[in-house]
Amino acid sequence: MRVYVPLTLPGLAKAHETGVLAADPFAAYAVTPALREWCGTEDLEELEYAALGEAANASLRLLAADPEAAPRRIVVAVDVPDRAVAPDPEGLGEVTVAASASLAKAAAVHADADDAEADVIVAARAVEAAEDGDDAARAAVDGAEDHELLWFATQEIPGLLAPR
């Protein structure tokens, strides 16, 4: 099953250094029954895009917790054994993976472009309030969501980590 692991650039740097994307168990996002129901489609591409979006929002929460991290949402797509994935019944696309994941097994890295920085900063500051139902904060988070995450091959990670 393809899962989407939310990170920050420091988290990606650590994974690149150690080779370990995530240790057993870890939280991720995937196409779950709840996500299928919420999306109202069976189109796998649309469902995976929705799971990626949920992981990008989780990356915002990580950025809010680490204000020193560069303001770029990072999501790593990796395939894990189906039997290792347990959906969170209360979360939209949230799963717990009972296995470790190697960065070498990652399919791709998704990251914000540099031009998303200002909107990501505002969204990271607002994400908690948005989740609590604040409409103005939700609009700030939507501003970050307006930026598509770019696709990078794992071989491009050193370039993502290079100082800008």
N, C-alpha and C. Protein backbone atom coordinates (compact mmCIF):
# COMPACT_ATOMS: atom_id res chain seq x y z
N MET A 1 0.85 -1.18 0.00
CA MET A 1 0.00 0.00 0.00
C MET A 1 0.89 1.24 0.00
N ARG A 2 0.51 2.20 -0.78
CA ARG A 2 1.24 3.47 -0.80
C ARG A 2 0.76 4.31 0.38
N VAL A 3 1.72 4.79 1.16
CA VAL A 3 1.41 5.70 2.25
C VAL A 3 2.20 6.98 2.05
N TYR A 4 1.69 8.05 2.64
CA TYR A 4 2.28 9.37 2.51
C TYR A 4 2.70 9.82 3.90
N VAL A 5 4.01 10.04 4.06
CA VAL A 5 4.60 10.36 5.35
C VAL A 5 4.89 11.86 5.41
N PRO A 6 4.23 12.58 6.33
CA PRO A 6 4.50 14.01 6.46
C PRO A 6 5.82 14.25 7.18
N LEU A 7 6.59 15.22 6.67
CA LEU A 7 7.87 15.58 7.26
C LEU A 7 8.08 17.09 7.15
N THR A 8 9.21 17.52 7.68
CA THR A 8 9.74 18.85 7.46
C THR A 8 11.10 18.66 6.79
N LEU A 9 11.72 19.73 6.35
CA LEU A 9 13.05 19.57 5.76
C LEU A 9 14.06 18.98 6.76
N PRO A 10 14.05 19.38 8.05
CA PRO A 10 14.96 18.71 8.99
C PRO A 10 14.66 17.21 9.12
N GLY A 11 13.39 16.83 9.07
CA GLY A 11 13.04 15.41 9.11
C GLY A 11 13.53 14.67 7.89
N LEU A 12 13.43 15.31 6.72
CA LEU A 12 13.93 14.70 5.49
C LEU A 12 15.46 14.59 5.55
N ALA A 13 16.12 15.60 6.10
CA ALA A 13 17.58 15.56 6.22
C ALA A 13 18.00 14.40 7.12
N LYS A 14 17.29 14.20 8.21
CA LYS A 14 17.62 13.09 9.11
C LYS A 14 17.40 11.75 8.40
N ALA A 15 16.30 11.62 7.68
CA ALA A 15 16.04 10.38 6.94
C ALA A 15 17.11 10.15 5.89
N HIS A 16 17.55 11.21 5.22
CA HIS A 16 18.59 11.09 4.20
C HIS A 16 19.92 10.65 4.84
N GLU A 17 20.20 11.18 6.01
CA GLU A 17 21.45 10.85 6.71
C GLU A 17 21.45 9.41 7.23
N THR A 18 20.31 8.98 7.81
CA THR A 18 20.25 7.65 8.44
C THR A 18 19.76 6.56 7.51
N GLY A 19 19.03 6.94 6.46
CA GLY A 19 18.41 5.96 5.57
C GLY A 19 17.07 5.47 6.07
N VAL A 20 16.67 5.88 7.28
CA VAL A 20 15.40 5.45 7.88
C VAL A 20 14.38 6.57 7.70
N LEU A 21 13.36 6.30 6.91
CA LEU A 21 12.30 7.27 6.71
C LEU A 21 11.44 7.36 7.97
N ALA A 22 11.03 6.20 8.49
CA ALA A 22 10.18 6.16 9.68
C ALA A 22 10.39 4.83 10.38
N ALA A 23 10.36 4.89 11.71
CA ALA A 23 10.54 3.69 12.51
C ALA A 23 9.18 3.12 12.92
N ASP A 24 9.15 1.86 13.17
CA ASP A 24 7.94 1.13 13.56
C ASP A 24 7.54 1.51 14.98
N PRO A 25 6.29 1.88 15.22
CA PRO A 25 5.23 2.25 14.28
C PRO A 25 5.33 3.73 13.91
N PHE A 26 4.68 4.09 12.81
CA PHE A 26 4.68 5.51 12.45
C PHE A 26 3.33 5.88 11.84
N ALA A 27 3.03 7.17 11.93
CA ALA A 27 1.79 7.71 11.39
C ALA A 27 2.02 8.14 9.95
N ALA A 28 1.00 7.92 9.14
CA ALA A 28 1.06 8.31 7.73
C ALA A 28 -0.37 8.52 7.24
N TYR A 29 -0.51 8.71 5.96
CA TYR A 29 -1.82 8.91 5.32
C TYR A 29 -1.89 7.99 4.12
N ALA A 30 -3.08 7.48 3.85
CA ALA A 30 -3.27 6.53 2.75
C ALA A 30 -4.73 6.56 2.31
N VAL A 31 -5.01 5.82 1.26
CA VAL A 31 -6.39 5.66 0.80
C VAL A 31 -7.05 4.66 1.74
N THR A 32 -7.95 5.16 2.56
CA THR A 32 -8.67 4.34 3.54
C THR A 32 -10.15 4.33 3.19
N PRO A 33 -10.92 3.43 3.80
CA PRO A 33 -12.37 3.46 3.55
C PRO A 33 -13.00 4.82 3.87
N ALA A 34 -12.57 5.45 4.95
CA ALA A 34 -13.12 6.76 5.32
C ALA A 34 -12.80 7.81 4.26
N LEU A 35 -11.59 7.75 3.72
CA LEU A 35 -11.20 8.70 2.68
C LEU A 35 -12.01 8.46 1.41
N ARG A 36 -12.20 7.17 1.06
CA ARG A 36 -13.02 6.83 -0.12
C ARG A 36 -14.43 7.39 0.03
N GLU A 37 -15.01 7.22 1.21
CA GLU A 37 -16.37 7.70 1.45
C GLU A 37 -16.43 9.22 1.37
N TRP A 38 -15.46 9.88 1.98
CA TRP A 38 -15.43 11.34 1.99
C TRP A 38 -15.27 11.90 0.59
N CYS A 39 -14.41 11.27 -0.22
CA CYS A 39 -14.16 11.75 -1.59
C CYS A 39 -15.30 11.40 -2.54
N GLY A 40 -15.99 10.31 -2.26
CA GLY A 40 -17.10 9.91 -3.12
C GLY A 40 -16.68 9.45 -4.49
N THR A 41 -15.48 8.87 -4.59
CA THR A 41 -14.99 8.39 -5.87
C THR A 41 -14.20 7.10 -5.66
N GLU A 42 -14.04 6.37 -6.72
CA GLU A 42 -13.19 5.17 -6.69
C GLU A 42 -11.95 5.37 -7.57
N ASP A 43 -11.78 6.58 -8.08
CA ASP A 43 -10.63 6.89 -8.92
C ASP A 43 -9.39 6.93 -8.04
N LEU A 44 -8.51 5.96 -8.20
CA LEU A 44 -7.33 5.83 -7.34
C LEU A 44 -6.44 7.05 -7.38
N GLU A 45 -6.28 7.65 -8.54
CA GLU A 45 -5.44 8.84 -8.64
C GLU A 45 -6.00 9.99 -7.80
N GLU A 46 -7.31 10.19 -7.86
CA GLU A 46 -7.94 11.24 -7.04
C GLU A 46 -7.82 10.92 -5.56
N LEU A 47 -8.00 9.66 -5.20
CA LEU A 47 -7.91 9.25 -3.80
C LEU A 47 -6.49 9.43 -3.26
N GLU A 48 -5.50 9.06 -4.05
CA GLU A 48 -4.11 9.24 -3.61
C GLU A 48 -3.77 10.73 -3.49
N TYR A 49 -4.31 11.54 -4.37
CA TYR A 49 -4.10 12.99 -4.29
C TYR A 49 -4.70 13.53 -2.99
N ALA A 50 -5.87 13.03 -2.62
CA ALA A 50 -6.51 13.46 -1.36
C ALA A 50 -5.67 13.03 -0.16
N ALA A 51 -5.14 11.80 -0.18
CA ALA A 51 -4.29 11.34 0.91
C ALA A 51 -3.02 12.19 1.00
N LEU A 52 -2.45 12.53 -0.14
CA LEU A 52 -1.28 13.40 -0.19
C LEU A 52 -1.61 14.76 0.43
N GLY A 53 -2.79 15.29 0.14
CA GLY A 53 -3.22 16.57 0.70
C GLY A 53 -3.36 16.52 2.21
N GLU A 54 -3.88 15.41 2.71
CA GLU A 54 -4.00 15.25 4.16
C GLU A 54 -2.62 15.19 4.80
N ALA A 55 -1.68 14.50 4.15
CA ALA A 55 -0.31 14.44 4.66
C ALA A 55 0.34 15.82 4.62
N ALA A 56 0.06 16.60 3.60
CA ALA A 56 0.61 17.96 3.51
C ALA A 56 0.09 18.81 4.66
N ASN A 57 -1.18 18.65 5.03
CA ASN A 57 -1.71 19.37 6.18
C ASN A 57 -1.03 18.91 7.47
N ALA A 58 -0.73 17.63 7.57
CA ALA A 58 0.00 17.13 8.74
C ALA A 58 1.40 17.72 8.78
N SER A 59 2.01 17.93 7.62
CA SER A 59 3.31 18.57 7.57
C SER A 59 3.22 20.00 8.11
N LEU A 60 2.12 20.68 7.84
CA LEU A 60 1.91 22.02 8.42
C LEU A 60 1.95 21.97 9.94
N ARG A 61 1.30 20.94 10.52
CA ARG A 61 1.31 20.80 11.98
C ARG A 61 2.73 20.59 12.49
N LEU A 62 3.54 19.83 11.74
CA LEU A 62 4.95 19.63 12.12
C LEU A 62 5.72 20.95 12.04
N LEU A 63 5.42 21.74 11.03
CA LEU A 63 6.08 23.05 10.91
C LEU A 63 5.67 23.98 12.05
N ALA A 64 4.41 23.91 12.46
CA ALA A 64 3.94 24.73 13.58
C ALA A 64 4.69 24.36 14.86
N ALA A 65 5.02 23.09 15.01
CA ALA A 65 5.73 22.62 16.20
C ALA A 65 7.23 22.92 16.14
N ASP A 66 7.75 23.23 14.96
CA ASP A 66 9.18 23.50 14.79
C ASP A 66 9.36 24.77 13.98
N PRO A 67 9.19 25.94 14.62
CA PRO A 67 9.26 27.19 13.86
C PRO A 67 10.63 27.48 13.25
N GLU A 68 11.66 26.74 13.65
CA GLU A 68 12.98 26.92 13.07
C GLU A 68 13.13 26.20 11.72
N ALA A 69 12.22 25.27 11.44
CA ALA A 69 12.28 24.51 10.19
C ALA A 69 11.94 25.43 9.01
N ALA A 70 12.60 25.19 7.89
CA ALA A 70 12.30 25.95 6.68
C ALA A 70 10.82 25.74 6.33
N PRO A 71 10.13 26.80 5.93
CA PRO A 71 8.69 26.71 5.67
C PRO A 71 8.34 26.05 4.34
N ARG A 72 8.55 24.75 4.29
CA ARG A 72 8.17 23.96 3.11
C ARG A 72 7.53 22.67 3.60
N ARG A 73 6.34 22.40 3.09
CA ARG A 73 5.71 21.12 3.41
C ARG A 73 6.44 20.03 2.64
N ILE A 74 6.71 18.92 3.35
CA ILE A 74 7.40 17.79 2.75
C ILE A 74 6.55 16.55 3.00
N VAL A 75 6.34 15.75 1.96
CA VAL A 75 5.62 14.48 2.07
C VAL A 75 6.39 13.45 1.25
N VAL A 76 6.66 12.31 1.88
CA VAL A 76 7.36 11.23 1.18
C VAL A 76 6.38 10.09 0.93
N ALA A 77 6.30 9.65 -0.31
CA ALA A 77 5.45 8.52 -0.68
C ALA A 77 6.29 7.26 -0.63
N VAL A 78 5.78 6.26 0.06
CA VAL A 78 6.51 4.99 0.19
C VAL A 78 5.50 3.85 0.21
N ASP A 79 5.88 2.73 -0.37
CA ASP A 79 5.02 1.55 -0.36
C ASP A 79 5.42 0.66 0.81
N VAL A 80 4.40 0.20 1.55
CA VAL A 80 4.60 -0.67 2.70
C VAL A 80 3.66 -1.87 2.56
N PRO A 81 3.94 -2.96 3.27
CA PRO A 81 3.04 -4.11 3.17
C PRO A 81 1.62 -3.77 3.67
N ASP A 82 0.62 -4.21 2.94
CA ASP A 82 -0.78 -3.96 3.33
C ASP A 82 -1.04 -4.38 4.76
N ARG A 83 -0.50 -5.54 5.14
CA ARG A 83 -0.78 -6.09 6.48
C ARG A 83 -0.22 -5.21 7.60
N ALA A 84 0.70 -4.29 7.27
CA ALA A 84 1.30 -3.42 8.28
C ALA A 84 0.50 -2.15 8.52
N VAL A 85 -0.55 -1.91 7.73
CA VAL A 85 -1.30 -0.66 7.78
C VAL A 85 -2.63 -0.85 8.50
N ALA A 86 -2.86 0.01 9.50
CA ALA A 86 -4.14 0.01 10.22
C ALA A 86 -4.74 1.41 10.14
N PRO A 87 -5.92 1.54 9.51
CA PRO A 87 -6.56 2.85 9.43
C PRO A 87 -6.99 3.35 10.80
N ASP A 88 -6.90 4.66 11.00
CA ASP A 88 -7.43 5.30 12.19
C ASP A 88 -8.91 5.53 11.92
N PRO A 89 -9.80 4.92 12.71
CA PRO A 89 -11.23 5.04 12.42
C PRO A 89 -11.77 6.46 12.55
N GLU A 90 -11.05 7.33 13.23
CA GLU A 90 -11.53 8.69 13.43
C GLU A 90 -10.84 9.71 12.53
N GLY A 91 -9.83 9.28 11.79
CA GLY A 91 -9.08 10.22 10.96
C GLY A 91 -9.33 10.02 9.49
N LEU A 92 -9.29 11.10 8.76
CA LEU A 92 -9.52 11.05 7.32
C LEU A 92 -8.21 10.68 6.62
N GLY A 93 -8.09 9.40 6.27
CA GLY A 93 -6.90 8.93 5.59
C GLY A 93 -5.74 8.62 6.52
N GLU A 94 -5.92 8.83 7.80
CA GLU A 94 -4.83 8.58 8.75
C GLU A 94 -4.67 7.08 8.97
N VAL A 95 -3.41 6.66 9.02
CA VAL A 95 -3.10 5.25 9.27
C VAL A 95 -1.90 5.16 10.21
N THR A 96 -1.80 4.02 10.86
CA THR A 96 -0.61 3.68 11.62
C THR A 96 0.05 2.52 10.89
N VAL A 97 1.33 2.65 10.65
CA VAL A 97 2.08 1.62 9.95
C VAL A 97 2.95 0.89 10.97
N ALA A 98 2.72 -0.40 11.10
CA ALA A 98 3.46 -1.24 12.04
C ALA A 98 4.63 -1.90 11.33
N ALA A 99 5.52 -1.08 10.83
CA ALA A 99 6.73 -1.53 10.14
C ALA A 99 7.63 -0.32 10.02
N SER A 100 8.89 -0.55 9.81
CA SER A 100 9.81 0.54 9.53
C SER A 100 9.82 0.78 8.02
N ALA A 101 10.19 1.98 7.64
CA ALA A 101 10.26 2.31 6.22
C ALA A 101 11.63 2.92 5.92
N SER A 102 12.25 2.39 4.91
CA SER A 102 13.55 2.86 4.46
C SER A 102 13.36 3.96 3.43
N LEU A 103 14.18 4.99 3.51
CA LEU A 103 14.10 6.05 2.50
C LEU A 103 14.43 5.50 1.12
N ALA A 104 15.26 4.46 1.06
CA ALA A 104 15.62 3.85 -0.22
C ALA A 104 14.41 3.24 -0.93
N LYS A 105 13.36 2.91 -0.16
CA LYS A 105 12.14 2.32 -0.74
C LYS A 105 11.12 3.37 -1.14
N ALA A 106 11.42 4.64 -0.88
CA ALA A 106 10.47 5.70 -1.20
C ALA A 106 10.26 5.81 -2.70
N ALA A 107 9.03 6.10 -3.08
CA ALA A 107 8.70 6.27 -4.49
C ALA A 107 8.97 7.69 -4.96
N ALA A 108 8.76 8.66 -4.07
CA ALA A 108 8.93 10.06 -4.44
C ALA A 108 8.89 10.94 -3.20
N VAL A 109 9.36 12.15 -3.39
CA VAL A 109 9.26 13.19 -2.38
C VAL A 109 8.43 14.31 -2.99
N HIS A 110 7.50 14.83 -2.21
CA HIS A 110 6.68 15.96 -2.65
C HIS A 110 7.04 17.13 -1.75
N ALA A 111 7.28 18.30 -2.33
CA ALA A 111 7.69 19.46 -1.55
C ALA A 111 7.16 20.74 -2.17
N ASP A 112 7.00 21.74 -1.31
CA ASP A 112 6.61 23.07 -1.80
C ASP A 112 7.73 23.70 -2.60
N ALA A 113 7.35 24.49 -3.57
CA ALA A 113 8.30 25.33 -4.28
C ALA A 113 8.63 26.53 -3.38
N ASP A 114 9.70 27.20 -3.69
CA ASP A 114 10.12 28.35 -2.89
C ASP A 114 9.04 29.43 -2.82
N ASP A 115 8.25 29.59 -3.88
CA ASP A 115 7.26 30.67 -3.89
C ASP A 115 6.08 30.42 -2.95
N ALA A 116 6.00 29.26 -2.33
CA ALA A 116 4.93 28.97 -1.38
C ALA A 116 5.27 29.42 0.04
N GLU A 117 6.52 29.84 0.25
CA GLU A 117 7.02 30.10 1.60
C GLU A 117 6.12 31.00 2.44
N ALA A 118 5.74 32.15 1.93
CA ALA A 118 4.94 33.10 2.72
C ALA A 118 3.60 32.48 3.12
N ASP A 119 2.94 31.80 2.19
CA ASP A 119 1.65 31.19 2.51
C ASP A 119 1.81 30.02 3.49
N VAL A 120 2.90 29.28 3.39
CA VAL A 120 3.13 28.16 4.31
C VAL A 120 3.39 28.68 5.72
N ILE A 121 4.13 29.77 5.86
CA ILE A 121 4.36 30.35 7.18
C ILE A 121 3.04 30.73 7.83
N VAL A 122 2.20 31.43 7.10
CA VAL A 122 0.90 31.86 7.62
C VAL A 122 0.04 30.64 7.97
N ALA A 123 0.04 29.65 7.10
CA ALA A 123 -0.78 28.45 7.33
C ALA A 123 -0.30 27.66 8.54
N ALA A 124 1.01 27.55 8.71
CA ALA A 124 1.54 26.81 9.87
C ALA A 124 1.13 27.49 11.17
N ARG A 125 1.12 28.80 11.16
CA ARG A 125 0.69 29.54 12.36
C ARG A 125 -0.79 29.38 12.63
N ALA A 126 -1.57 29.12 11.59
CA ALA A 126 -3.03 29.08 11.70
C ALA A 126 -3.61 27.67 11.78
N VAL A 127 -2.81 26.64 11.54
CA VAL A 127 -3.37 25.30 11.36
C VAL A 127 -4.14 24.80 12.57
N GLU A 128 -3.65 25.06 13.77
CA GLU A 128 -4.36 24.58 14.96
C GLU A 128 -5.73 25.24 15.09
N ALA A 129 -5.77 26.55 14.91
CA ALA A 129 -7.05 27.27 14.98
C ALA A 129 -8.00 26.81 13.88
N ALA A 130 -7.45 26.53 12.70
CA ALA A 130 -8.29 26.05 11.59
C ALA A 130 -8.93 24.72 11.95
N GLU A 131 -8.15 23.84 12.58
CA GLU A 131 -8.69 22.54 12.97
C GLU A 131 -9.74 22.67 14.07
N ASP A 132 -9.70 23.78 14.81
CA ASP A 132 -10.69 24.05 15.85
C ASP A 132 -11.91 24.77 15.31
N GLY A 133 -11.95 25.01 13.99
CA GLY A 133 -13.13 25.59 13.36
C GLY A 133 -13.08 27.07 13.07
N ASP A 134 -11.95 27.72 13.26
CA ASP A 134 -11.82 29.15 12.98
C ASP A 134 -11.79 29.37 11.46
N ASP A 135 -12.78 30.09 10.94
CA ASP A 135 -12.90 30.28 9.49
C ASP A 135 -11.76 31.10 8.90
N ALA A 136 -11.30 32.13 9.61
CA ALA A 136 -10.19 32.94 9.10
C ALA A 136 -8.91 32.10 9.04
N ALA A 137 -8.71 31.27 10.06
CA ALA A 137 -7.54 30.39 10.06
C ALA A 137 -7.65 29.36 8.94
N ARG A 138 -8.84 28.86 8.70
CA ARG A 138 -9.05 27.89 7.61
C ARG A 138 -8.69 28.52 6.28
N ALA A 139 -9.03 29.80 6.11
CA ALA A 139 -8.67 30.50 4.87
C ALA A 139 -7.15 30.59 4.72
N ALA A 140 -6.45 30.79 5.84
CA ALA A 140 -4.99 30.84 5.79
C ALA A 140 -4.41 29.49 5.38
N VAL A 141 -4.95 28.42 5.92
CA VAL A 141 -4.49 27.08 5.54
C VAL A 141 -4.80 26.81 4.08
N ASP A 142 -5.96 27.26 3.63
CA ASP A 142 -6.31 27.10 2.22
C ASP A 142 -5.32 27.81 1.31
N GLY A 143 -4.74 28.91 1.79
CA GLY A 143 -3.74 29.63 1.01
C GLY A 143 -2.53 28.76 0.70
N ALA A 144 -2.11 27.95 1.67
CA ALA A 144 -1.00 27.01 1.43
C ALA A 144 -1.45 25.90 0.49
N GLU A 145 -2.68 25.44 0.67
CA GLU A 145 -3.19 24.34 -0.17
C GLU A 145 -3.31 24.75 -1.63
N ASP A 146 -3.37 26.06 -1.89
CA ASP A 146 -3.42 26.54 -3.28
C ASP A 146 -2.12 26.26 -4.02
N HIS A 147 -1.05 25.98 -3.28
CA HIS A 147 0.24 25.66 -3.89
C HIS A 147 0.34 24.15 -4.05
N GLU A 148 0.51 23.70 -5.27
CA GLU A 148 0.69 22.27 -5.53
C GLU A 148 2.07 21.85 -5.05
N LEU A 149 2.14 20.70 -4.41
CA LEU A 149 3.44 20.16 -4.05
C LEU A 149 4.11 19.64 -5.32
N LEU A 150 5.39 19.92 -5.43
CA LEU A 150 6.16 19.45 -6.58
C LEU A 150 6.64 18.02 -6.33
N TRP A 151 6.84 17.28 -7.41
CA TRP A 151 7.30 15.89 -7.34
C TRP A 151 8.80 15.85 -7.55
N PHE A 152 9.49 15.11 -6.67
CA PHE A 152 10.93 14.95 -6.80
C PHE A 152 11.28 13.47 -6.68
N ALA A 153 12.20 13.01 -7.50
CA ALA A 153 12.74 11.65 -7.34
C ALA A 153 13.62 11.66 -6.10
N THR A 154 13.79 10.50 -5.50
CA THR A 154 14.60 10.43 -4.28
C THR A 154 16.05 10.85 -4.54
N GLN A 155 16.52 10.69 -5.76
CA GLN A 155 17.88 11.11 -6.10
C GLN A 155 18.04 12.63 -6.02
N GLU A 156 16.93 13.34 -5.99
CA GLU A 156 16.96 14.81 -5.94
C GLU A 156 16.94 15.36 -4.52
N ILE A 157 16.91 14.48 -3.52
CA ILE A 157 16.86 14.93 -2.12
C ILE A 157 18.03 15.84 -1.78
N PRO A 158 19.26 15.53 -2.17
CA PRO A 158 20.35 16.46 -1.82
C PRO A 158 20.08 17.90 -2.32
N GLY A 159 19.49 18.03 -3.46
CA GLY A 159 19.14 19.36 -3.98
C GLY A 159 18.07 20.05 -3.13
N LEU A 160 17.12 19.27 -2.63
CA LEU A 160 16.09 19.83 -1.76
C LEU A 160 16.69 20.31 -0.45
N LEU A 161 17.71 19.60 0.01
CA LEU A 161 18.31 19.91 1.31
C LEU A 161 19.37 21.01 1.23
N ALA A 162 19.82 21.33 0.02
CA ALA A 162 20.87 22.34 -0.15
C ALA A 162 20.36 23.70 0.33
N PRO A 163 21.22 24.46 0.99
CA PRO A 163 20.82 25.80 1.44
C PRO A 163 20.38 26.66 0.26
N ARG A 164 19.41 27.46 0.50
CA ARG A 164 18.87 28.34 -0.55
C ARG A 164 19.30 29.75 -0.33
